[in-house]
């Protein structure tokens, strides 16, 4: 059994993690949240208490932390006695936090692949550039490190693994992420603008015909007809989960599709063509050095501020094709989340909700030993049944659409 949780980060996803962890603090123990700006962490704890989210009376403390400082992270882990670390800060922090977890022997999880601030869209597979290089050290230290356990990556990886039991062979996995909601702003991103734009300015990598295929952003698009949200246009996009799923399913085509409206594409294109999405510093006429991407981030709305006005739903799932009993077959495994319902429960919008609930489910499975495997793992390497079952219970119900119809997925 592992108890006591340290949450690193204080954005919209961290707020969801904090509320959901508080709802299960009888099983998770003491809770701690750390951010460079301690006031943000304190505000999240205040929101938890405002909603009386703590299941049982217990500890929930805020801490100031520079999570880029691995020694400082390790010191905080030791001083709090936390045995599980949920890293939902910037993906720039992954390696420093993971190093601290290896040093202290505690469980680690994150929701996205590590990024080097000075590099965009490195060569695939992305996990091989940083995380996977630490596999042996995690195993030697007996450290459970669950990588990419948000929704995508995360839950969609579990959906792919679940499809293994439904099909005899798998020939393609298409992950589709549609946000059919509206935040009412002229333009905004649903999570950190810097990370969001970096994700879309590089090469689009997919795994097709047994090799990596490169495309440009918005080069390949198609219309999808999905449950609840209906017909939506989505574009082939480079994304984290493709890089681990391609290792488990090398015989299958693995692609990620994300929905974008024409307005987003137009604004993105103008910003990129003007050089405003560059991570490289430039010097103004006044001699001041600035990084264009960080300036854009500074003038856009904070993603957390979108939550009160957000309406509509998301639909995220895996269309998995293959064969069953010698015949072509396919399954679509998915979740639909509601922005307004997410805000009413935890004070965050649906995108943050879908990313923040899964790591708490994973923490519960590590706490009770189910997923406490003592080595590094991507989600598809773990048993999906307890994970999906727990998600069904704590706010992200899974459904399946196949030849037999559309129904809840239960175990």
Protein backbone atom coordinates (compact mmCIF):
# COMPACT_ATOMS: atom_id res chain seq x y z
CA UNK A 1 0.00 0.00 0.00
CA UNK A 2 1.19 3.50 -0.86
CA UNK A 3 -0.28 6.64 0.68
CA UNK A 4 0.15 10.41 0.64
CA UNK A 5 0.12 12.26 -2.67
CA UNK A 6 2.12 15.20 -3.98
CA UNK A 7 0.52 17.08 -6.89
CA UNK A 8 2.94 19.21 -8.91
CA UNK A 9 1.36 22.04 -10.87
CA UNK A 10 -1.45 24.52 -10.25
CA UNK A 11 -3.25 24.91 -13.58
CA UNK A 12 -6.66 23.71 -14.72
CA UNK A 13 -5.67 20.03 -14.78
CA UNK A 14 -4.08 20.27 -11.33
CA UNK A 15 -7.34 21.70 -10.02
CA UNK A 16 -9.21 18.62 -11.26
CA UNK A 17 -6.57 16.32 -9.77
CA UNK A 18 -6.82 18.12 -6.44
CA UNK A 19 -10.61 17.85 -6.27
CA UNK A 20 -10.66 14.21 -7.33
CA UNK A 21 -7.86 13.28 -4.94
CA UNK A 22 -9.74 15.04 -2.13
CA UNK A 23 -12.86 13.03 -2.98
CA UNK A 24 -10.78 9.88 -2.33
CA UNK A 25 -8.45 11.03 0.44
CA UNK A 26 -9.69 8.17 2.61
CA UNK A 27 -7.66 5.92 0.29
CA UNK A 28 -4.90 8.32 -0.76
CA UNK A 29 -4.02 9.82 2.62
CA UNK A 30 -2.41 13.24 3.08
CA UNK A 31 -2.51 15.55 0.07
CA UNK A 32 0.05 18.17 -0.96
CA UNK A 33 0.17 20.50 -3.95
CA UNK A 34 3.22 22.43 -5.11
CA UNK A 35 3.71 25.27 -7.57
CA UNK A 36 6.30 27.94 -8.30
CA UNK A 37 3.56 30.40 -7.31
CA UNK A 38 2.27 29.11 -3.99
CA UNK A 39 -0.79 31.40 -4.14
CA UNK A 40 -2.11 29.38 -7.08
CA UNK A 41 -1.80 26.16 -5.10
CA UNK A 42 -3.50 27.78 -2.11
CA UNK A 43 -6.37 28.93 -4.34
CA UNK A 44 -6.91 25.36 -5.54
CA UNK A 45 -7.03 24.07 -1.96
CA UNK A 46 -9.52 26.84 -1.14
CA UNK A 47 -11.72 25.71 -4.03
CA UNK A 48 -11.61 22.14 -2.69
CA UNK A 49 -12.79 23.33 0.73
CA UNK A 50 -15.46 25.57 -0.82
CA UNK A 51 -17.03 22.48 -2.39
CA UNK A 52 -16.45 20.39 0.74
CA UNK A 53 -14.70 17.88 -1.51
CA UNK A 54 -12.61 16.14 1.16
CA UNK A 55 -14.17 12.74 1.77
CA UNK A 56 -12.73 12.53 5.28
CA UNK A 57 -10.99 15.19 7.39
CA UNK A 58 -7.32 15.26 6.48
CA UNK A 59 -4.22 17.14 5.42
CA UNK A 60 -4.11 19.25 2.26
CA UNK A 61 -1.15 21.64 2.18
CA UNK A 62 0.31 24.02 -0.43
CA UNK A 63 4.03 24.43 -1.07
CA UNK A 64 6.22 26.76 -3.11
CA UNK A 65 8.46 24.75 -5.43
CA UNK A 66 10.72 25.22 -8.41
CA UNK A 67 10.06 21.82 -9.95
CA UNK A 68 12.94 22.27 -12.42
CA UNK A 69 15.18 21.76 -9.37
CA UNK A 70 15.24 18.00 -8.90
CA UNK A 71 16.94 18.24 -5.49
CA UNK A 72 14.20 20.59 -4.26
CA UNK A 73 11.52 18.17 -5.48
CA UNK A 74 13.25 15.29 -3.66
CA UNK A 75 13.48 17.36 -0.48
CA UNK A 76 9.75 18.11 -0.63
CA UNK A 77 8.93 14.44 -1.21
CA UNK A 78 10.95 13.49 1.88
CA UNK A 79 9.57 16.26 4.10
CA UNK A 80 5.93 15.48 3.24
CA UNK A 81 6.28 11.70 3.32
CA UNK A 82 4.50 11.40 -0.02
CA UNK A 83 4.74 8.03 -1.77
CA UNK A 84 2.92 9.01 -4.98
CA UNK A 85 3.76 12.02 -7.16
CA UNK A 86 1.30 13.25 -9.79
CA UNK A 87 3.13 15.57 -12.17
CA UNK A 88 0.61 17.81 -13.96
CA UNK A 89 2.90 20.78 -14.38
CA UNK A 90 4.48 21.78 -17.67
CA UNK A 91 5.94 18.91 -19.68
CA UNK A 92 9.28 20.74 -19.36
CA UNK A 93 9.35 19.42 -15.76
CA UNK A 94 9.07 15.69 -16.40
CA UNK A 95 12.73 14.75 -16.15
CA UNK A 96 13.51 16.76 -13.02
CA UNK A 97 10.45 15.36 -11.23
CA UNK A 98 11.09 11.81 -12.44
CA UNK A 99 14.70 12.04 -11.28
CA UNK A 100 13.50 13.08 -7.81
CA UNK A 101 11.11 10.13 -7.70
CA UNK A 102 13.85 7.69 -8.66
CA UNK A 103 16.12 9.19 -6.00
CA UNK A 104 13.48 8.93 -3.27
CA UNK A 105 11.94 5.64 -4.44
CA UNK A 106 8.37 6.92 -4.80
CA UNK A 107 5.80 6.35 -7.55
CA UNK A 108 5.69 8.81 -10.44
CA UNK A 109 3.14 9.66 -13.10
CA UNK A 110 2.65 12.36 -15.72
CA UNK A 111 0.17 13.18 -18.48
CA UNK A 112 2.42 14.08 -21.44
CA UNK A 113 5.84 13.35 -22.94
CA UNK A 114 8.79 15.40 -21.69
CA UNK A 115 9.78 18.38 -23.83
CA UNK A 116 13.06 20.23 -24.07
CA UNK A 117 12.25 23.97 -24.17
CA UNK A 118 14.90 24.48 -26.87
CA UNK A 119 13.62 21.74 -29.19
CA UNK A 120 10.36 21.27 -31.06
CA UNK A 121 9.11 17.98 -32.48
CA UNK A 122 12.15 15.79 -31.99
CA UNK A 123 12.72 12.59 -33.95
CA UNK A 124 10.36 9.71 -33.12
CA UNK A 125 9.71 7.79 -31.02
CA UNK A 126 9.54 10.77 -28.63
CA UNK A 127 9.48 8.62 -25.48
CA UNK A 128 12.84 7.23 -26.54
CA UNK A 129 14.48 10.65 -26.25
CA UNK A 130 13.99 11.03 -22.49
CA UNK A 131 11.61 8.80 -20.51
CA UNK A 132 12.52 5.38 -21.87
CA UNK A 133 16.21 6.07 -21.25
CA UNK A 134 15.39 5.80 -17.53
CA UNK A 135 13.60 2.45 -17.68
CA UNK A 136 16.50 0.49 -16.23
CA UNK A 137 16.97 2.92 -13.35
CA UNK A 138 13.29 2.77 -12.44
CA UNK A 139 13.37 -1.02 -12.46
CA UNK A 140 16.58 -1.11 -10.40
CA UNK A 141 15.04 1.23 -7.83
CA UNK A 142 11.67 -0.55 -7.88
CA UNK A 143 10.00 2.71 -8.85
CA UNK A 144 6.58 2.60 -10.49
CA UNK A 145 6.52 5.27 -13.21
CA UNK A 146 3.31 5.41 -15.24
CA UNK A 147 3.82 7.59 -18.29
CA UNK A 148 1.17 9.64 -20.06
CA UNK A 149 -1.80 8.82 -17.86
CA UNK A 150 -4.11 11.68 -18.80
CA UNK A 151 -6.85 11.05 -21.34
CA UNK A 152 -4.85 11.31 -24.55
CA UNK A 153 -2.31 10.00 -23.90
CA UNK A 154 -3.61 7.74 -21.17
CA UNK A 155 -7.16 6.53 -21.35
CA UNK A 156 -6.95 6.12 -25.13
CA UNK A 157 -3.95 3.84 -24.59
CA UNK A 158 -6.08 1.71 -22.26
CA UNK A 159 -8.82 1.65 -24.90
CA UNK A 160 -6.35 0.24 -27.43
CA UNK A 161 -5.30 -2.45 -24.96
CA UNK A 162 -8.97 -3.22 -24.22
CA UNK A 163 -9.59 -3.74 -27.95
CA UNK A 164 -7.08 -6.60 -27.92
CA UNK A 165 -9.68 -8.73 -26.15
CA UNK A 166 -12.35 -7.82 -28.71
CA UNK A 167 -10.44 -8.50 -31.94
CA UNK A 168 -8.24 -11.35 -33.10
CA UNK A 169 -5.92 -9.01 -34.99
CA UNK A 170 -5.48 -5.22 -34.98
CA UNK A 171 -4.65 -3.49 -38.25
CA UNK A 172 -5.26 0.16 -37.37
CA UNK A 173 -5.81 2.42 -34.35
CA UNK A 174 -7.23 5.88 -35.04
CA UNK A 175 -7.50 8.09 -31.96
CA UNK A 176 -10.02 10.89 -32.46
CA UNK A 177 -10.22 13.92 -30.14
CA UNK A 178 -13.15 16.27 -30.69
CA UNK A 179 -14.03 19.26 -28.53
CA UNK A 180 -17.47 20.37 -29.66
CA UNK A 181 -17.72 22.93 -26.86
CA UNK A 182 -17.57 26.72 -26.94
CA UNK A 183 -15.77 29.01 -24.48
CA UNK A 184 -17.16 32.27 -25.86
CA UNK A 185 -13.76 33.94 -26.36
CA UNK A 186 -12.55 35.30 -29.70
CA UNK A 187 -9.53 33.01 -29.48
CA UNK A 188 -8.05 30.85 -26.74
CA UNK A 189 -6.36 27.50 -26.21
CA UNK A 190 -7.76 24.84 -23.91
CA UNK A 191 -4.46 24.23 -22.14
CA UNK A 192 -1.09 25.99 -21.83
CA UNK A 193 -0.78 28.04 -25.06
CA UNK A 194 2.98 27.50 -25.22
CA UNK A 195 2.65 23.70 -25.09
CA UNK A 196 -0.41 23.79 -27.35
CA UNK A 197 1.28 25.73 -30.14
CA UNK A 198 4.57 23.83 -29.90
CA UNK A 199 2.58 20.65 -30.46
CA UNK A 200 1.27 21.91 -33.80
CA UNK A 201 4.21 23.81 -35.29
CA UNK A 202 6.42 20.79 -35.93
CA UNK A 203 6.18 17.76 -38.18
CA UNK A 204 3.09 15.57 -37.87
CA UNK A 205 4.33 12.04 -37.21
CA UNK A 206 2.14 8.95 -37.60
CA UNK A 207 2.96 5.25 -37.74
CA UNK A 208 1.80 3.73 -41.02
CA UNK A 209 2.84 0.66 -43.02
CA UNK A 210 5.48 -0.22 -40.45
CA UNK A 211 7.32 3.10 -40.51
CA UNK A 212 7.12 6.71 -39.41
CA UNK A 213 5.30 8.96 -41.85
CA UNK A 214 5.81 12.73 -41.88
CA UNK A 215 3.14 15.26 -42.83
CA UNK A 216 2.57 18.96 -42.31
CA UNK A 217 0.01 20.24 -39.83
CA UNK A 218 -3.49 20.53 -41.36
CA UNK A 219 -2.28 18.69 -44.47
CA UNK A 220 -4.50 15.62 -43.91
CA UNK A 221 -8.07 16.02 -42.70
CA UNK A 222 -11.28 14.01 -42.77
CA UNK A 223 -14.81 14.16 -41.42
CA UNK A 224 -15.81 11.86 -38.57
CA UNK A 225 -19.36 10.95 -37.58
CA UNK A 226 -19.22 10.46 -33.82
CA UNK A 227 -21.66 9.74 -30.99
CA UNK A 228 -23.33 12.80 -29.42
CA UNK A 229 -21.17 15.44 -31.17
CA UNK A 230 -22.09 14.29 -34.69
CA UNK A 231 -20.08 15.07 -37.83
CA UNK A 232 -16.81 16.83 -37.09
CA UNK A 233 -13.69 17.69 -39.13
CA UNK A 234 -10.42 16.45 -37.63
CA UNK A 235 -6.84 16.62 -38.83
CA UNK A 236 -3.94 14.19 -38.64
CA UNK A 237 -1.83 15.46 -35.77
CA UNK A 238 1.39 14.37 -34.12
CA UNK A 239 0.71 13.22 -30.58
CA UNK A 240 2.29 11.44 -27.63
CA UNK A 241 0.41 8.17 -27.61
CA UNK A 242 1.35 7.29 -31.19
CA UNK A 243 4.95 6.92 -30.02
CA UNK A 244 4.28 4.19 -27.48
CA UNK A 245 1.35 2.46 -29.19
CA UNK A 246 3.46 1.98 -32.32
CA UNK A 247 5.89 -0.05 -30.21
CA UNK A 248 3.15 -2.38 -28.96
CA UNK A 249 1.30 -2.58 -32.28
CA UNK A 250 4.03 -2.35 -34.96
CA UNK A 251 1.82 -4.21 -37.43
CA UNK A 252 -0.96 -1.62 -37.17
CA UNK A 253 -1.34 1.89 -38.53
CA UNK A 254 -1.47 4.26 -35.52
CA UNK A 255 -2.79 7.78 -36.10
CA UNK A 256 -4.06 10.67 -33.99
CA UNK A 257 -6.77 13.04 -35.21
CA UNK A 258 -7.75 16.30 -33.51
CA UNK A 259 -10.70 18.51 -34.31
CA UNK A 260 -10.07 22.13 -35.30
CA UNK A 261 -12.46 24.81 -36.48
CA UNK A 262 -11.67 27.09 -39.41
CA UNK A 263 -11.23 30.06 -37.06
CA UNK A 264 -8.54 28.30 -35.02
CA UNK A 265 -6.70 27.25 -38.18
CA UNK A 266 -6.81 30.78 -39.60
CA UNK A 267 -5.47 32.40 -36.41
CA UNK A 268 -2.83 29.71 -35.97
CA UNK A 269 -1.67 30.14 -39.58
CA UNK A 270 -1.35 33.92 -39.27
CA UNK A 271 0.57 33.66 -35.99
CA UNK A 272 2.92 31.04 -37.42
CA UNK A 273 3.52 32.91 -40.69
CA UNK A 274 4.34 36.09 -38.77
CA UNK A 275 6.87 34.21 -36.66
CA UNK A 276 4.91 34.76 -33.47
CA UNK A 277 4.95 31.05 -32.59
CA UNK A 278 8.74 30.85 -32.58
CA UNK A 279 10.47 29.71 -29.39
CA UNK A 280 13.67 31.51 -30.49
CA UNK A 281 14.39 34.94 -28.95
CA UNK A 282 14.22 38.10 -31.03
CA UNK A 283 15.34 41.64 -30.21
CA UNK A 284 12.93 44.57 -30.40
CA UNK A 285 13.84 47.99 -31.78
CA UNK A 286 14.29 49.12 -28.17
CA UNK A 287 16.91 46.43 -27.61
CA UNK A 288 14.72 44.19 -25.47
CA UNK A 289 15.03 40.44 -26.06
CA UNK A 290 11.70 38.57 -26.13
CA UNK A 291 10.51 35.12 -27.14
CA UNK A 292 7.52 35.53 -29.50
CA UNK A 293 5.75 32.35 -28.32
CA UNK A 294 5.88 33.49 -24.70
CA UNK A 295 4.49 36.90 -25.67
CA UNK A 296 1.56 35.23 -27.43
CA UNK A 297 1.00 33.09 -24.34
CA UNK A 298 0.98 36.18 -22.14
CA UNK A 299 -1.73 37.97 -24.14
CA UNK A 300 -4.07 34.99 -24.55
CA UNK A 301 -6.65 34.05 -21.89
CA UNK A 302 -5.49 31.75 -19.11
CA UNK A 303 -7.05 28.36 -20.01
CA UNK A 304 -8.34 28.05 -16.44
CA UNK A 305 -10.35 31.25 -16.93
CA UNK A 306 -12.43 29.63 -19.69
CA UNK A 307 -14.23 27.21 -17.40
CA UNK A 308 -17.18 29.32 -16.12
CA UNK A 309 -18.48 30.06 -19.62
CA UNK A 310 -17.71 26.75 -21.33
CA UNK A 311 -20.64 24.82 -22.79
CA UNK A 312 -20.96 21.75 -24.97
CA UNK A 313 -19.30 18.36 -24.97
CA UNK A 314 -16.16 16.49 -25.90
CA UNK A 315 -15.88 13.10 -27.57
CA UNK A 316 -12.56 11.24 -27.44
CA UNK A 317 -12.06 7.65 -28.46
CA UNK A 318 -10.28 4.93 -30.40
CA UNK A 319 -11.53 3.46 -33.66
CA UNK A 320 -9.75 0.11 -33.73
CA UNK A 321 -9.99 -2.04 -36.85
CA UNK A 322 -8.85 -5.60 -37.44
CA UNK A 323 -10.37 -9.04 -37.77
CA UNK A 324 -12.61 -11.27 -35.69
CA UNK A 325 -13.17 -14.92 -36.61
CA UNK A 326 -11.48 -14.32 -39.93
CA UNK A 327 -13.73 -11.39 -40.91
CA UNK A 328 -13.12 -7.61 -40.88
CA UNK A 329 -14.29 -6.03 -37.64
CA UNK A 330 -14.03 -2.71 -35.82
CA UNK A 331 -14.84 -1.18 -32.43
CA UNK A 332 -15.09 2.45 -31.34
CA UNK A 333 -14.33 2.85 -27.63
CA UNK A 334 -14.98 6.35 -26.33
CA UNK A 335 -15.99 8.83 -23.65
CA UNK A 336 -18.21 11.90 -23.83
CA UNK A 337 -17.64 14.67 -21.26
CA UNK A 338 -19.68 17.79 -20.57
CA UNK A 339 -17.97 21.14 -19.94
CA UNK A 340 -20.70 22.57 -17.72
CA UNK A 341 -20.93 19.44 -15.59
CA UNK A 342 -17.16 19.47 -15.11
CA UNK A 343 -17.23 23.09 -13.97
CA UNK A 344 -20.07 22.47 -11.55
CA UNK A 345 -18.21 19.56 -9.97
CA UNK A 346 -14.59 20.74 -9.82
CA UNK A 347 -14.46 24.30 -11.21
CA UNK A 348 -12.64 23.34 -14.43
CA UNK A 349 -13.69 22.90 -18.07
CA UNK A 350 -14.11 19.52 -19.74
CA UNK A 351 -10.67 19.37 -21.38
CA UNK A 352 -9.00 19.73 -17.99
CA UNK A 353 -11.48 17.29 -16.48
CA UNK A 354 -10.72 14.53 -18.96
CA UNK A 355 -6.98 15.03 -18.39
CA UNK A 356 -7.17 15.30 -14.59
CA UNK A 357 -9.43 12.42 -13.57
CA UNK A 358 -7.28 9.58 -15.03
CA UNK A 359 -4.11 10.25 -12.99
CA UNK A 360 -6.17 10.11 -9.82
CA UNK A 361 -7.61 6.77 -10.94
CA UNK A 362 -4.03 5.62 -11.56
CA UNK A 363 -2.97 6.89 -8.14
CA UNK A 364 -5.74 4.84 -6.52
CA UNK A 365 -4.59 1.75 -8.41
CA UNK A 366 -1.00 2.35 -7.34
CA UNK A 367 -2.12 2.99 -3.77
CA UNK A 368 -3.89 -0.37 -3.51
CA UNK A 369 -1.11 -2.23 -5.34
CA UNK A 370 -3.00 -3.04 -8.57
CA UNK A 371 -0.77 -0.86 -10.75
CA UNK A 372 2.21 -0.63 -8.39
CA UNK A 373 4.40 -2.57 -10.81
CA UNK A 374 7.84 -1.39 -9.67
CA UNK A 375 9.04 -0.31 -13.11
CA UNK A 376 8.32 2.21 -15.88
CA UNK A 377 5.22 1.55 -18.00
CA UNK A 378 3.04 3.22 -20.57
CA UNK A 379 -0.66 2.76 -19.94
CA UNK A 380 -1.21 0.13 -22.65
CA UNK A 381 1.25 -2.13 -20.83
CA UNK A 382 -1.04 -2.28 -17.79
CA UNK A 383 -4.31 -4.14 -17.24
CA UNK A 384 -7.04 -1.80 -18.55
CA UNK A 385 -9.96 -3.45 -16.75
CA UNK A 386 -9.47 -1.96 -13.25
CA UNK A 387 -8.59 1.42 -14.76
CA UNK A 388 -11.66 1.65 -16.99
CA UNK A 389 -13.86 0.30 -14.18
CA UNK A 390 -12.60 2.99 -11.83
CA UNK A 391 -13.02 5.73 -14.44
CA UNK A 392 -16.63 4.59 -14.91
CA UNK A 393 -17.15 5.14 -11.19
CA UNK A 394 -15.42 8.50 -10.73
CA UNK A 395 -16.63 10.58 -13.65
CA UNK A 396 -15.39 9.36 -17.05
CA UNK A 397 -17.71 6.56 -18.21
CA UNK A 398 -16.59 4.53 -21.20
CA UNK A 399 -18.84 3.37 -24.01
CA UNK A 400 -18.31 1.07 -26.98
CA UNK A 401 -19.88 1.16 -30.44
CA UNK A 402 -19.55 -1.95 -32.61
CA UNK A 403 -21.65 -4.28 -34.74
CA UNK A 404 -23.83 -5.03 -31.71
CA UNK A 405 -24.73 -1.40 -31.08
CA UNK A 406 -23.71 1.33 -28.64
CA UNK A 407 -23.47 0.48 -24.94
CA UNK A 408 -21.43 1.06 -21.76
CA UNK A 409 -18.12 -0.78 -21.54
CA UNK A 410 -17.98 -2.65 -18.26
CA UNK A 411 -15.90 -5.46 -16.80
